[in-house]
Each structure stands twice: as structure tokens, then as C-alpha cells.
C-alpha atoms as a PDB file:
ATOM      1  CA  UNK A   1     120.003  64.449 106.327  1.00  0.00           C
ATOM      2  CA  UNK A   2     118.069  66.364 103.591  1.00  0.00           C
ATOM      3  CA  UNK A   3     117.442  70.017 104.822  1.00  0.00           C
ATOM      4  CA  UNK A   4     116.213  73.352 103.102  1.00  0.00           C
ATOM      5  CA  UNK A   5     117.759  76.474 103.038  1.00  0.00           C
ATOM      6  CA  UNK A   6     116.982  78.442 106.288  1.00  0.00           C
ATOM      7  CA  UNK A   7     114.521  81.229 106.511  1.00  0.00           C
ATOM      8  CA  UNK A   8     115.597  84.015 109.084  1.00  0.00           C
ATOM      9  CA  UNK A   9     113.689  87.031 110.384  1.00  0.00           C
ATOM     10  CA  UNK A  10     114.191  89.393 113.033  1.00  0.00           C
ATOM     11  CA  UNK A  11     111.494  89.029 116.058  1.00  0.00           C
ATOM     12  CA  UNK A  12     110.947  90.981 118.953  1.00  0.00           C
ATOM     13  CA  UNK A  13     113.480  88.726 121.109  1.00  0.00           C
ATOM     14  CA  UNK A  14     116.177  88.371 118.505  1.00  0.00           C
ATOM     15  CA  UNK A  15     116.427  86.198 115.348  1.00  0.00           C
ATOM     16  CA  UNK A  16     113.942  83.534 114.424  1.00  0.00           C
ATOM     17  CA  UNK A  17     115.325  80.848 112.100  1.00  0.00           C
ATOM     18  CA  UNK A  18     112.942  78.485 110.404  1.00  0.00           C
ATOM     19  CA  UNK A  19     114.001  75.399 107.971  1.00  0.00           C
ATOM     20  CA  UNK A  20     112.412  72.421 106.260  1.00  0.00           C
ATOM     21  CA  UNK A  21     113.872  68.810 107.105  1.00  0.00           C
ATOM     22  CA  UNK A  22     113.194  65.427 105.762  1.00  0.00           C
ATOM     23  CA  UNK A  23     111.745  63.311 108.800  1.00  0.00           C
ATOM     24  CA  UNK A  24     110.990  59.730 107.564  1.00  0.00           C
ATOM     25  CA  UNK A  25     108.777  60.062 104.448  1.00  0.00           C
ATOM     26  CA  UNK A  26     107.530  63.532 105.625  1.00  0.00           C
ATOM     27  CA  UNK A  27     109.059  67.154 104.996  1.00  0.00           C
ATOM     28  CA  UNK A  28     108.836  68.829 108.327  1.00  0.00           C
ATOM     29  CA  UNK A  29     109.008  72.682 109.353  1.00  0.00           C
ATOM     30  CA  UNK A  30     111.058  73.567 112.228  1.00  0.00           C
ATOM     31  CA  UNK A  31     111.417  76.808 114.004  1.00  0.00           C
ATOM     32  CA  UNK A  32     113.773  77.932 116.581  1.00  0.00           C
ATOM     33  CA  UNK A  33     114.849  81.406 118.358  1.00  0.00           C
ATOM     34  CA  UNK A  34     118.225  81.968 118.865  1.00  0.00           C
ATOM     35  CA  UNK A  35     117.642  83.848 122.309  1.00  0.00           C
ATOM     36  CA  UNK A  36     115.730  80.529 123.717  1.00  0.00           C
ATOM     37  CA  UNK A  37     117.264  77.491 124.878  1.00  0.00           C
ATOM     38  CA  UNK A  38     115.774  73.896 123.966  1.00  0.00           C
ATOM     39  CA  UNK A  39     114.915  72.173 120.827  1.00  0.00           C
ATOM     40  CA  UNK A  40     113.169  73.662 117.645  1.00  0.00           C
ATOM     41  CA  UNK A  41     109.503  73.639 117.360  1.00  0.00           C
ATOM     42  CA  UNK A  42     107.938  71.265 114.886  1.00  0.00           C
ATOM     43  CA  UNK A  43     105.262  73.251 113.215  1.00  0.00           C
ATOM     44  CA  UNK A  44     103.110  71.019 110.730  1.00  0.00           C
ATOM     45  CA  UNK A  45     101.355  68.056 112.199  1.00  0.00           C
ATOM     46  CA  UNK A  46     102.907  64.579 111.889  1.00  0.00           C
ATOM     47  CA  UNK A  47     100.636  63.522 108.970  1.00  0.00           C
ATOM     48  CA  UNK A  48     100.936  66.526 107.099  1.00  0.00           C
ATOM     49  CA  UNK A  49     103.929  67.251 104.843  1.00  0.00           C
ATOM     50  CA  UNK A  50     105.428  70.239 103.568  1.00  0.00           C
ATOM     51  CA  UNK A  51     105.600  70.456  99.641  1.00  0.00           C
ATOM     52  CA  UNK A  52     109.405  70.461  98.978  1.00  0.00           C
ATOM     53  CA  UNK A  53     112.728  71.128 100.324  1.00  0.00           C
ATOM     54  CA  UNK A  54     114.085  73.088  97.572  1.00  0.00           C
ATOM     55  CA  UNK A  55     113.349  76.444  99.125  1.00  0.00           C
ATOM     56  CA  UNK A  56     113.582  78.056 102.245  1.00  0.00           C
ATOM     57  CA  UNK A  57     109.961  78.211 104.228  1.00  0.00           C
ATOM     58  CA  UNK A  58     108.282  81.751 104.501  1.00  0.00           C
ATOM     59  CA  UNK A  59     108.407  83.436 107.776  1.00  0.00           C
ATOM     60  CA  UNK A  60     105.610  86.022 108.819  1.00  0.00           C
ATOM     61  CA  UNK A  61     106.421  87.908 112.083  1.00  0.00           C
ATOM     62  CA  UNK A  62     104.100  90.623 113.727  1.00  0.00           C
ATOM     63  CA  UNK A  63     106.002  93.606 114.309  1.00  0.00           C
ATOM     64  CA  UNK A  64     107.528  94.278 118.138  1.00  0.00           C
ATOM     65  CA  UNK A  65     105.089  96.176 120.337  1.00  0.00           C
ATOM     66  CA  UNK A  66     105.910 100.058 120.511  1.00  0.00           C
ATOM     67  CA  UNK A  67     106.230 101.617 123.952  1.00  0.00           C
ATOM     68  CA  UNK A  68     104.321 104.969 124.319  1.00  0.00           C
END
């Protein structure tokens, strides 16, 4: 299995991890939260391939809501 390096960011509910994996002829981005049970979520549609596996995907998370 061909897999990129992971991208890790601190989310409001704990760490978020994203990576790219080769699925058939398509490079697919997956994301998961360590605090959530279940399978990783596929981000790109099946007919769209990510450019490459040589680098980790970028992650952009919104800041956690602040309590007043």
C-alpha cells in the first residue's frame, strides 16, 4: 500500500489526522479524529485523484469556539 506522510492538527475535539493513500489508480485523501470511533472519511470523490503521495496533505481547521 502506498501512503503519504500524515498531517496532524489539534482540533476542538482532539487531534485530526489526514493522509493520502493509493486506492486502485486514484490517490485518495482520508481524515479521521482520534476521539471518534469508526472508519476514516474519504474527502475527494472517487473520480478525482489527489496530485501525489510525496507530501502530507494540508489541514486547515477553524479555531475552537471561545466561551465568554
